[in-house]
Amino acid sequence: MTVLPRLLTIVIPVFNEERFIDVILDRVLKTDLSKLGLDREVIIVDDHSTDGTGERLREWESRSEVRIIRHERNMGKGAALRTGFGEAAGDVILVQDADLEYNPVDYPKLLEPIISGEADVVFGSRFAGGEPHRVLYFWHYFGNRILTLFSNMFTDLNLTDMETCYKVFRAEVLRNLTIRENRFGIEPEITAKVARLARNGDCRIYEVGISYSGRTYQEGKKITWKDGMRAVYCILKYNLFRS
C-alpha cells in the first residue's frame, strides 16, 4: 500500500532574481496545500547572486517554513538543485523556478497523481492541457519540442515537455538518482534516469498540463542556444552510457 505523503519540499534555485523573488515566494507560501493534507518546507538555493537577491532573501529568513542556502560561487541550476535535493526532508520534492514563468497555482494538479498513489514522478507540460500561455519566441518553442522528441527517441517516453521546470518526485525516486549536471543539462539527465527506473518497473511517470508565462531576455531569461547544444549532448550521454 502506498504511504500518503505528509511533507512537500519546494526547491527553488535562484540566481539574480531581485525583481521577482519576493513575488514568487509570496505566491509559493500562499498556495493552499491543506486540502492535499500536506505541510510545506521551502528550500531556496542562492547560486551566488550578484544583484540584490541576497538582500531580498534576508527578509524571508525569519519564516519558519523557509530555509536559505547560499553557494559561495556560481555553479548553475543543476548544482543548485543538487544542493536543495540533498537538504530536502519532504516525502515529495517539487522544483520551482525563481522567476514568474511558472505559477504555483498549478501545485494541486501537479501533486494529485502522486497523492492518489498513481505516480512517482510528474512532469508539468507547457504544451499539454490547454492552459493559458504567454505568446513569445517561436524558436524557443520549436527547440523545446525538438529536444523533447529527441529525448523521447532514446527514453521511449511520450513526454510533450522534457525541458519543463515543473518536475515533482517522490523522495525515494530522487534518492535513486545520482545527478551530475551543473547547468540546464539537468533536465535531460533527470529525464533519462527516471526513464531507466520506469523501464525497470521502479517508477511511474505522469504528465499534466500547466499554465506558462514565459519571459523575454530583457526580463531576465537566461537559457541560450548553447544550453540547447548541451541538452543534445546530455540526451546522448545519459541514455547511451549508463555510467
Foldseek 3Di string as FASTA:
>chain_A
DDDAWAEEEEEEEDAQPVPQQVVQVVQQVPADCVVLNYDYAYEYEDQPHDDCPVVVVVVVCVDPRYDYHYDPHHQADLVSVVVSLVPDPTQKYKYDYRHDFFGCNCVVVQCVCVNVPNFFKEAADQPDDPAAEDDDDPVVQVLQQVLVVLLCVLLVDDDRGLQGRTMMGRSVLVVPDDQDDRYSLSSSLVVLSQSVCVVVVNTGYYYHYGYTYDDDVVSPDDDDVVVSVSNSVSSCCVRVPVD
